[in-house]
Amino acid sequence: MKRIILPFLSVLLVFASCKKEKTPAPPVVTDPAITAISPTSGQKNTVVTITGTNFGTSTTALKVYFNGVQGVVQTATGNSITASVPVGAQTGIVKVEKNAVQVNGPQFTYLPTYTTSTFAGFNQGYADGNGTAASFNVPSGVTRDASGNIYVADRDNHRIRKITPAGVVTTFAGSGTAGFVNGNGTAAQFNQPYSITIDGAGNLYVGDRMNHSIRKITPAGVVSTLAGDGNGGMINGTGSGARFNEPLGVAADAAGNVYVADYINSLVRKVTPAGVATTFAGSGGFSLTDGTGTAASFSGPFGICLDASGNLFIGDYNNNAIRKITPAAVVTTVAGNGSQGILDGNGASARFNRPAGLIADASGNLIVCDAFNNTIRKISNSGEVVTIAGGVSSGGSDGTGTSSSFFTPIALCADVSTNTIYIADFNNNRIRKIIVD
């Protein structure tokens, strides 16, 4: 018996050892994977096709994100998903989520939509009222307070107007008669208030063009003169001891200093909270010269704004260029080269026709009123210039992108909380708004 059993056991052991050495089957892969997206750029609501593997066929089991913002999944097959781009997604990678597993795909470039409408004003004149029932007389400056109210330098009405977020227009300061009088509210007088800005405490500052002075208005509407004496000239000094020559642009920094685009003097001036006026940049000559401080030159500096880093940007009107001034007063040219025209492009290859007011957005892009081109231009951090609204020919049409029209847009401000830009549409006597989404 032993001789029969032992060989049988040996066979079993050999069979068992062979069974253990068998290669196990590979695991089944169920996680999704992305190989491509099409298109790779687009505006809100663009339908994007995502190709890959293991997506499944249930649209409810899938989530698609564009730069972290969830889109709407429309269809799903094993290797393809279609999803619409959500409003305000911005540029970023596409992600697909299935069964709590997220996988990354390529970057999608979000192209904002710029929709222009009329916020207030319609016909030239003077009337308080709601929206288009109100009237302005060549509005030339706008700024916004923390509550969302818009203040307008209503040039030829010699008044400062206030517009609530609901579009209700009232008169905040100025009697309507050209003059140089400090006082409260409508007891004060201006002579072509051209530009307006606001500081962190809610004080307004006005470039009072033909009074050649910088005026200050408290939140309570009390008007005083920060610098200038009513006479044109070029004098550094304190308060009424200083002189300007048609100050057209103003911008206030976090410390309460006011920077002034002193148009006829072709200088950028600085006024401290105590009213001490000095020359910050510019030689007084009329040319397109980069350099530091007074070694640089402008030709009719018009608009002025600050970015989050304390850099100044100038709409150099007669040079058809956008200039940058660092906190150390180093002046460079961001875009344009002195030649007049209308051309998108990078840096010096771009063309403007009398760039006026401008602002820096939260991302560091510049938005520029290209006055005589009747357009709104955008300059990216890399210096790329594109036209975002307006179509060169003057007009007052609302619409999207270049289907809208302006008539000498001259100043602007922004509400970053609602992605809205407000524009003083000078010769249309209107305040326009552009919603960016």
Protein backbone atom coordinates (compact mmCIF):
# COMPACT_ATOMS: atom_id res chain seq x y z
CA MET A 1 0.00 0.00 0.00
CA LYS A 2 2.80 2.40 0.85
CA ARG A 3 4.28 2.00 -2.59
CA ILE A 4 0.96 2.98 -4.19
CA ILE A 5 0.12 5.96 -1.92
CA LEU A 6 3.48 7.74 -1.95
CA PRO A 7 3.68 8.25 -5.71
CA PHE A 8 0.09 9.52 -5.66
CA LEU A 9 0.95 12.09 -2.96
CA SER A 10 3.97 13.22 -4.96
CA VAL A 11 1.74 13.92 -7.94
CA LEU A 12 -0.63 15.97 -5.78
CA LEU A 13 2.23 18.05 -4.34
CA VAL A 14 3.61 18.79 -7.78
CA PHE A 15 0.14 19.80 -8.99
CA ALA A 16 -0.40 22.05 -5.95
CA SER A 17 2.96 23.77 -6.38
CA CYS A 18 2.20 24.46 -10.04
CA LYS A 19 -1.17 25.95 -9.09
CA LYS A 20 0.43 28.42 -6.61
CA GLU A 21 2.88 29.73 -9.20
CA LYS A 22 0.13 30.71 -11.69
CA THR A 23 0.21 34.51 -12.55
CA PRO A 24 -2.82 36.31 -11.05
CA ALA A 25 -5.20 38.19 -13.37
CA PRO A 26 -4.51 41.96 -13.59
CA PRO A 27 -6.91 44.18 -11.63
CA VAL A 28 -9.76 45.77 -13.55
CA VAL A 29 -9.14 49.53 -13.98
CA THR A 30 -12.31 51.54 -13.34
CA ASP A 31 -10.91 55.01 -12.62
CA PRO A 32 -11.53 57.59 -15.37
CA ALA A 33 -8.71 59.07 -17.44
CA ILE A 34 -8.68 62.17 -19.67
CA THR A 35 -6.75 62.22 -22.93
CA ALA A 36 -7.97 65.44 -24.60
CA ILE A 37 -10.53 68.26 -24.60
CA SER A 38 -12.05 70.16 -27.52
CA PRO A 39 -12.20 73.10 -27.87
CA THR A 40 -9.41 74.21 -25.57
CA SER A 41 -10.77 77.75 -25.19
CA GLY A 42 -14.13 79.49 -25.20
CA GLN A 43 -16.65 81.69 -23.45
CA LYS A 44 -19.29 80.84 -20.87
CA ASN A 45 -21.71 78.06 -21.91
CA THR A 46 -19.27 76.67 -24.48
CA VAL A 47 -19.87 72.91 -24.83
CA VAL A 48 -16.58 71.05 -24.37
CA THR A 49 -16.02 67.44 -25.44
CA ILE A 50 -13.75 65.50 -23.07
CA THR A 51 -12.31 62.28 -24.46
CA GLY A 52 -10.74 59.51 -22.39
CA THR A 53 -11.61 56.18 -20.80
CA ASN A 54 -13.81 54.68 -18.09
CA PHE A 55 -16.29 57.53 -17.94
CA GLY A 56 -19.35 55.31 -17.88
CA THR A 57 -22.72 56.34 -19.29
CA SER A 58 -24.41 57.93 -16.28
CA THR A 59 -24.36 61.74 -16.35
CA THR A 60 -25.40 61.85 -12.69
CA ALA A 61 -22.37 59.82 -11.62
CA LEU A 62 -19.97 62.33 -13.19
CA LYS A 63 -18.85 65.82 -12.28
CA VAL A 64 -16.77 68.10 -14.50
CA TYR A 65 -14.86 71.12 -13.18
CA PHE A 66 -13.35 74.02 -15.12
CA ASN A 67 -10.71 75.70 -12.96
CA GLY A 68 -12.50 74.35 -9.90
CA VAL A 69 -15.95 75.58 -10.93
CA GLN A 70 -18.48 72.85 -11.67
CA GLY A 71 -19.93 72.72 -15.16
CA VAL A 72 -23.03 70.92 -16.40
CA VAL A 73 -22.54 67.39 -17.75
CA GLN A 74 -24.76 66.92 -20.78
CA THR A 75 -23.83 63.51 -22.20
CA ALA A 76 -21.59 60.61 -21.23
CA THR A 77 -20.33 57.48 -23.00
CA GLY A 78 -17.56 55.16 -22.02
CA ASN A 79 -14.93 57.34 -23.65
CA SER A 80 -16.55 60.77 -24.09
CA ILE A 81 -18.22 63.47 -22.00
CA THR A 82 -19.78 66.74 -23.11
CA ALA A 83 -20.08 69.52 -20.52
CA SER A 84 -20.86 73.23 -20.66
CA VAL A 85 -18.47 75.84 -19.27
CA PRO A 86 -19.86 77.64 -16.20
CA VAL A 87 -20.07 81.43 -15.99
CA GLY A 88 -16.95 83.01 -14.49
CA ALA A 89 -14.85 79.85 -14.51
CA GLN A 90 -11.63 81.61 -15.58
CA THR A 91 -8.65 79.80 -17.05
CA GLY A 92 -7.53 76.52 -15.45
CA ILE A 93 -7.38 72.76 -15.73
CA VAL A 94 -10.36 70.53 -16.48
CA LYS A 95 -11.14 67.82 -13.92
CA VAL A 96 -13.48 64.84 -14.13
CA GLU A 97 -14.82 63.23 -10.97
CA LYS A 98 -16.34 59.72 -10.87
CA ASN A 99 -17.12 57.81 -7.68
CA ALA A 100 -15.23 60.42 -5.62
CA VAL A 101 -12.09 59.94 -7.75
CA GLN A 102 -10.84 63.11 -9.50
CA VAL A 103 -8.52 63.11 -12.51
CA ASN A 104 -6.88 66.10 -14.15
CA GLY A 105 -6.95 66.98 -17.82
CA PRO A 106 -5.56 69.78 -20.01
CA GLN A 107 -6.02 73.50 -19.37
CA PHE A 108 -9.08 75.27 -20.70
CA THR A 109 -8.64 78.97 -21.54
CA TYR A 110 -11.69 80.95 -20.45
CA LEU A 111 -12.57 83.90 -22.69
CA PRO A 112 -14.63 86.50 -20.80
CA THR A 113 -17.77 88.01 -22.30
CA TYR A 114 -18.06 91.81 -22.12
CA THR A 115 -21.68 93.00 -22.19
CA THR A 116 -22.28 96.76 -22.40
CA SER A 117 -25.45 98.53 -21.27
CA THR A 118 -26.48 102.05 -20.28
CA PHE A 119 -26.53 102.59 -16.52
CA ALA A 120 -27.57 106.24 -16.24
CA GLY A 121 -28.14 109.28 -18.45
CA PHE A 122 -29.25 109.53 -22.03
CA ASN A 123 -29.65 113.11 -23.24
CA GLN A 124 -27.32 116.02 -22.58
CA GLY A 125 -28.48 118.33 -19.82
CA TYR A 126 -28.93 118.45 -16.08
CA ALA A 127 -31.54 116.37 -14.31
CA ASP A 128 -31.50 114.11 -11.29
CA GLY A 129 -33.56 110.95 -11.63
CA ASN A 130 -33.49 107.22 -12.08
CA GLY A 131 -31.32 105.63 -14.77
CA THR A 132 -31.86 107.06 -18.24
CA ALA A 133 -34.27 109.70 -16.85
CA ALA A 134 -31.22 111.52 -15.43
CA SER A 135 -29.05 113.84 -17.52
CA PHE A 136 -25.35 114.73 -17.56
CA ASN A 137 -23.33 117.31 -19.46
CA VAL A 138 -20.11 115.63 -20.70
CA PRO A 139 -19.31 113.38 -17.72
CA SER A 140 -15.55 113.07 -17.53
CA GLY A 141 -14.68 111.14 -14.37
CA VAL A 142 -16.04 108.26 -12.30
CA THR A 143 -15.13 106.50 -9.07
CA ARG A 144 -16.84 104.04 -6.73
CA ASP A 145 -17.18 103.88 -2.95
CA ALA A 146 -17.26 100.81 -0.70
CA SER A 147 -21.07 100.75 -0.75
CA GLY A 148 -21.22 100.55 -4.53
CA ASN A 149 -22.22 104.17 -5.17
CA ILE A 150 -20.71 105.76 -8.28
CA TYR A 151 -19.55 109.39 -8.18
CA VAL A 152 -19.37 111.31 -11.44
CA ALA A 153 -17.38 114.43 -12.31
CA ASP A 154 -20.07 116.11 -14.43
CA ARG A 155 -17.76 118.52 -16.22
CA ASP A 156 -19.94 121.12 -17.89
CA ASN A 157 -22.59 120.99 -15.18
CA HIS A 158 -19.79 121.91 -12.73
CA ARG A 159 -21.15 119.34 -10.31
CA ILE A 160 -20.33 116.05 -8.64
CA ARG A 161 -23.17 113.57 -9.08
CA LYS A 162 -23.90 110.39 -7.14
CA ILE A 163 -25.48 107.22 -8.55
CA THR A 164 -26.72 104.50 -6.21
CA PRO A 165 -26.34 100.82 -7.15
CA ALA A 166 -30.02 100.97 -8.20
CA GLY A 167 -29.22 103.77 -10.68
CA VAL A 168 -30.74 106.70 -8.77
CA VAL A 169 -28.86 109.90 -9.69
CA THR A 170 -28.59 112.87 -7.30
CA THR A 171 -26.33 115.91 -7.00
CA PHE A 172 -23.69 115.45 -4.30
CA ALA A 173 -21.73 118.72 -4.56
CA GLY A 174 -21.54 121.84 -6.70
CA SER A 175 -24.01 124.62 -7.40
CA GLY A 176 -23.92 124.27 -11.17
CA THR A 177 -22.29 127.69 -11.58
CA ALA A 178 -18.62 127.77 -12.53
CA GLY A 179 -16.62 129.17 -9.64
CA PHE A 180 -14.01 128.48 -6.99
CA VAL A 181 -15.86 128.28 -3.68
CA ASN A 182 -15.43 125.85 -0.80
CA GLY A 183 -18.51 124.85 1.15
CA ASN A 184 -21.00 122.15 1.92
CA GLY A 185 -22.67 120.21 -0.88
CA THR A 186 -24.38 122.44 -3.44
CA ALA A 187 -22.98 125.59 -1.80
CA ALA A 188 -19.56 124.73 -3.23
CA GLN A 189 -18.46 125.64 -6.73
CA PHE A 190 -16.20 123.97 -9.30
CA ASN A 191 -14.99 124.97 -12.75
CA GLN A 192 -14.98 121.92 -15.00
CA PRO A 193 -14.41 119.13 -12.47
CA TYR A 194 -12.68 116.65 -14.74
CA SER A 195 -11.58 113.64 -12.72
CA ILE A 196 -12.45 112.03 -9.42
CA THR A 197 -11.00 109.38 -7.11
CA ILE A 198 -11.59 108.10 -3.58
CA ASP A 199 -9.37 107.19 -0.63
CA GLY A 200 -9.77 104.46 1.97
CA ALA A 201 -11.66 106.78 4.32
CA GLY A 202 -14.27 107.63 1.69
CA ASN A 203 -12.95 111.11 0.90
CA LEU A 204 -13.27 112.15 -2.73
CA TYR A 205 -10.59 114.09 -4.62
CA VAL A 206 -11.39 116.08 -7.74
CA GLY A 207 -9.13 117.37 -10.47
CA ASP A 208 -10.81 120.78 -10.84
CA ARG A 209 -9.52 121.53 -14.30
CA MET A 210 -10.09 125.23 -14.90
CA ASN A 211 -9.55 126.09 -11.25
CA HIS A 212 -6.14 124.40 -11.62
CA SER A 213 -6.57 122.80 -8.22
CA ILE A 214 -7.19 119.58 -6.34
CA ARG A 215 -10.39 119.64 -4.31
CA LYS A 216 -11.37 117.34 -1.45
CA ILE A 217 -14.91 116.28 -0.55
CA THR A 218 -15.63 114.47 2.71
CA PRO A 219 -18.26 111.71 2.92
CA ALA A 220 -20.57 114.37 4.40
CA GLY A 221 -20.16 116.51 1.26
CA VAL A 222 -17.89 119.21 2.69
CA VAL A 223 -15.73 120.64 -0.10
CA SER A 224 -12.28 122.13 0.54
CA THR A 225 -9.16 122.81 -1.52
CA LEU A 226 -6.24 120.46 -0.93
CA ALA A 227 -3.77 122.19 -3.26
CA GLY A 228 -3.80 124.99 -5.83
CA ASP A 229 -4.97 128.60 -5.73
CA GLY A 230 -7.19 128.86 -8.80
CA ASN A 231 -4.43 130.07 -11.10
CA GLY A 232 -2.63 127.99 -13.69
CA GLY A 233 1.10 127.49 -13.36
CA MET A 234 3.81 125.15 -12.17
CA ILE A 235 4.85 125.61 -8.56
CA ASN A 236 5.67 122.97 -5.99
CA GLY A 237 4.47 124.03 -2.57
CA THR A 238 1.86 123.55 0.12
CA GLY A 239 -1.86 124.13 -0.25
CA SER A 240 -2.57 127.40 -2.01
CA GLY A 241 1.17 127.84 -2.50
CA ALA A 242 1.15 125.10 -5.15
CA ARG A 243 0.04 125.50 -8.75
CA PHE A 244 -1.10 123.12 -11.49
CA ASN A 245 -2.07 123.65 -15.10
CA GLU A 246 -5.27 121.77 -15.96
CA PRO A 247 -5.03 118.71 -13.70
CA LEU A 248 -6.97 116.02 -15.56
CA GLY A 249 -6.33 112.78 -13.68
CA VAL A 250 -6.19 111.93 -9.96
CA ALA A 251 -5.48 108.73 -8.02
CA ALA A 252 -5.22 108.24 -4.24
CA ASP A 253 -2.96 105.67 -2.58
CA ALA A 254 -3.43 103.80 0.71
CA ALA A 255 -1.55 106.50 2.63
CA GLY A 256 -3.84 109.27 1.37
CA ASN A 257 -1.39 110.74 -1.12
CA VAL A 258 -2.99 112.00 -4.31
CA TYR A 259 -1.15 111.59 -7.63
CA VAL A 260 -2.07 114.09 -10.32
CA ALA A 261 -1.81 113.94 -14.11
CA ASP A 262 -0.90 117.62 -14.62
CA TYR A 263 -1.88 117.81 -18.27
CA ILE A 264 -0.53 121.11 -19.63
CA ASN A 265 2.59 120.92 -17.46
CA SER A 266 3.13 117.37 -18.78
CA LEU A 267 4.07 116.19 -15.30
CA VAL A 268 2.94 113.68 -12.72
CA ARG A 269 2.65 115.42 -9.37
CA LYS A 270 2.22 114.09 -5.83
CA VAL A 271 0.15 115.79 -3.13
CA THR A 272 0.41 114.58 0.47
CA PRO A 273 -2.56 114.57 2.89
CA ALA A 274 -1.13 117.83 4.25
CA GLY A 275 -1.37 119.42 0.79
CA VAL A 276 2.35 119.39 -0.01
CA ALA A 277 2.71 119.21 -3.80
CA THR A 278 5.91 117.95 -5.45
CA THR A 279 6.89 116.68 -8.90
CA PHE A 280 6.99 112.88 -8.92
CA ALA A 281 7.91 112.25 -12.56
CA GLY A 282 8.37 114.15 -15.80
CA SER A 283 10.70 116.81 -17.11
CA GLY A 284 8.02 119.14 -18.38
CA GLY A 285 9.14 118.44 -21.93
CA PHE A 286 6.76 116.91 -24.44
CA SER A 287 8.21 113.61 -25.60
CA LEU A 288 8.10 109.85 -25.08
CA THR A 289 11.16 109.34 -22.92
CA ASP A 290 11.58 106.64 -20.30
CA GLY A 291 13.75 107.26 -17.26
CA THR A 292 13.67 107.93 -13.55
CA GLY A 293 11.78 110.85 -12.03
CA THR A 294 12.37 114.11 -13.87
CA ALA A 295 14.55 112.38 -16.48
CA ALA A 296 11.38 110.92 -18.02
CA SER A 297 8.99 112.84 -20.26
CA PHE A 298 5.28 112.69 -21.10
CA SER A 299 3.07 114.52 -23.57
CA GLY A 300 -0.20 115.44 -21.96
CA PRO A 301 -0.61 112.84 -19.18
CA PHE A 302 -4.36 112.35 -18.85
CA GLY A 303 -5.57 109.28 -16.96
CA ILE A 304 -3.84 107.89 -13.89
CA CYS A 305 -4.37 104.84 -11.69
CA LEU A 306 -2.62 102.68 -9.11
CA ASP A 307 -2.26 98.92 -8.94
CA ALA A 308 -2.09 96.77 -5.80
CA SER A 309 1.72 97.04 -5.72
CA GLY A 310 1.73 100.84 -5.74
CA ASN A 311 2.73 101.23 -9.38
CA LEU A 312 1.18 104.14 -11.26
CA PHE A 313 -0.09 103.82 -14.81
CA ILE A 314 -0.62 106.80 -17.08
CA GLY A 315 -2.75 107.29 -20.14
CA ASP A 316 -0.17 109.40 -22.00
CA TYR A 317 -2.71 111.12 -24.21
CA ASN A 318 -0.67 112.84 -26.90
CA ASN A 319 1.98 110.12 -26.95
CA ASN A 320 -0.71 107.49 -27.63
CA ALA A 321 0.99 105.26 -25.08
CA ILE A 322 0.48 103.67 -21.68
CA ARG A 323 3.26 104.42 -19.21
CA LYS A 324 4.20 102.81 -15.90
CA ILE A 325 5.81 104.52 -12.91
CA THR A 326 7.18 102.38 -10.07
CA PRO A 327 7.10 103.58 -6.43
CA ALA A 328 10.75 104.55 -7.02
CA ALA A 329 9.60 106.81 -9.91
CA VAL A 330 11.10 104.66 -12.67
CA VAL A 331 9.11 105.35 -15.85
CA THR A 332 8.72 102.79 -18.64
CA THR A 333 6.37 102.34 -21.60
CA VAL A 334 3.94 99.43 -21.29
CA ALA A 335 2.14 99.66 -24.64
CA GLY A 336 2.08 101.91 -27.69
CA ASN A 337 5.05 103.68 -29.25
CA GLY A 338 3.89 107.22 -29.90
CA SER A 339 2.16 106.48 -33.20
CA GLN A 340 -1.58 107.01 -33.47
CA GLY A 341 -3.82 104.18 -34.66
CA ILE A 342 -5.98 101.22 -33.70
CA LEU A 343 -4.14 97.93 -33.51
CA ASP A 344 -4.14 95.07 -31.04
CA GLY A 345 -0.76 93.52 -30.32
CA ASN A 346 1.99 93.21 -27.77
CA GLY A 347 3.65 96.20 -26.14
CA ALA A 348 5.07 98.70 -28.59
CA SER A 349 3.37 97.03 -31.56
CA ALA A 350 -0.09 98.06 -30.27
CA ARG A 351 -1.65 101.38 -31.30
CA PHE A 352 -3.95 103.79 -29.46
CA ASN A 353 -5.66 107.05 -30.35
CA ARG A 354 -5.68 109.33 -27.30
CA PRO A 355 -5.71 106.88 -24.37
CA ALA A 356 -7.37 108.58 -21.41
CA GLY A 357 -8.68 107.01 -18.20
CA LEU A 358 -7.53 103.59 -17.06
CA ILE A 359 -7.75 101.18 -14.13
CA ALA A 360 -5.86 98.11 -12.93
CA ASP A 361 -8.06 95.09 -12.23
CA ALA A 362 -7.63 92.50 -9.47
CA SER A 363 -5.43 90.36 -11.72
CA GLY A 364 -3.13 93.23 -12.66
CA ASN A 365 -4.54 93.73 -16.14
CA LEU A 366 -5.12 97.30 -17.30
CA ILE A 367 -8.45 98.42 -18.74
CA VAL A 368 -8.05 101.56 -20.88
CA CYS A 369 -10.44 104.10 -22.38
CA ASP A 370 -9.08 104.58 -25.89
CA ALA A 371 -10.95 107.85 -26.33
CA PHE A 372 -10.69 108.72 -30.02
CA ASN A 373 -10.92 105.08 -31.08
CA ASN A 374 -14.21 104.87 -29.14
CA THR A 375 -13.09 101.56 -27.69
CA ILE A 376 -12.20 99.90 -24.40
CA ARG A 377 -8.87 98.07 -24.50
CA LYS A 378 -7.35 95.50 -22.16
CA ILE A 379 -3.62 95.11 -21.51
CA SER A 380 -2.52 91.84 -19.91
CA ASN A 381 0.39 91.44 -17.49
CA SER A 382 2.50 90.38 -20.45
CA GLY A 383 1.65 93.56 -22.39
CA GLU A 384 -0.79 91.98 -24.82
CA VAL A 385 -3.39 94.54 -25.96
CA VAL A 386 -6.87 93.46 -27.06
CA THR A 387 -10.09 95.36 -27.75
CA ILE A 388 -12.88 94.21 -25.44
CA ALA A 389 -15.69 96.66 -26.23
CA GLY A 390 -16.57 99.28 -28.81
CA GLY A 391 -16.11 99.23 -32.54
CA VAL A 392 -14.08 102.35 -33.50
CA SER A 393 -17.09 104.13 -35.04
CA SER A 394 -18.81 106.41 -32.54
CA GLY A 395 -22.28 105.52 -31.31
CA GLY A 396 -24.34 104.63 -28.28
CA SER A 397 -25.37 101.04 -28.94
CA ASP A 398 -25.50 98.50 -26.15
CA GLY A 399 -24.28 95.00 -26.94
CA THR A 400 -21.57 92.41 -26.47
CA GLY A 401 -17.90 93.04 -27.19
CA THR A 402 -17.22 95.07 -30.32
CA SER A 403 -20.92 95.12 -31.27
CA SER A 404 -21.38 97.87 -28.66
CA SER A 405 -20.37 101.45 -29.35
CA PHE A 406 -19.16 104.51 -27.43
CA PHE A 407 -18.55 108.17 -28.22
CA THR A 408 -15.27 109.21 -26.59
CA PRO A 409 -15.12 106.97 -23.51
CA ILE A 410 -12.89 108.90 -21.18
CA ALA A 411 -12.82 107.46 -17.64
CA LEU A 412 -13.75 104.30 -15.81
CA CYS A 413 -13.95 102.54 -12.45
CA ALA A 414 -14.76 98.99 -11.39
CA ASP A 415 -16.80 96.99 -8.92
CA VAL A 416 -14.74 93.84 -8.45
CA SER A 417 -17.47 92.15 -6.39
CA THR A 418 -19.80 92.08 -9.39
CA ASN A 419 -17.19 92.11 -12.19
CA THR A 420 -18.65 95.35 -13.50
CA ILE A 421 -16.84 98.26 -15.17
CA TYR A 422 -18.45 101.73 -15.19
CA ILE A 423 -17.50 104.15 -17.97
CA ALA A 424 -17.92 107.89 -18.41
CA ASP A 425 -19.11 107.98 -22.03
CA PHE A 426 -18.15 111.62 -22.57
CA ASN A 427 -19.94 112.70 -25.75
CA ASN A 428 -22.89 110.36 -25.23
CA ASN A 429 -23.52 112.06 -21.87
CA ARG A 430 -24.06 108.65 -20.31
CA ILE A 431 -22.61 106.35 -17.71
CA ARG A 432 -22.26 102.93 -19.30
CA LYS A 433 -21.50 99.65 -17.62
CA ILE A 434 -19.78 96.51 -18.83
CA ILE A 435 -20.51 93.22 -17.09
CA VAL A 436 -17.60 90.80 -17.37
CA ASP A 437 -18.55 87.12 -17.15
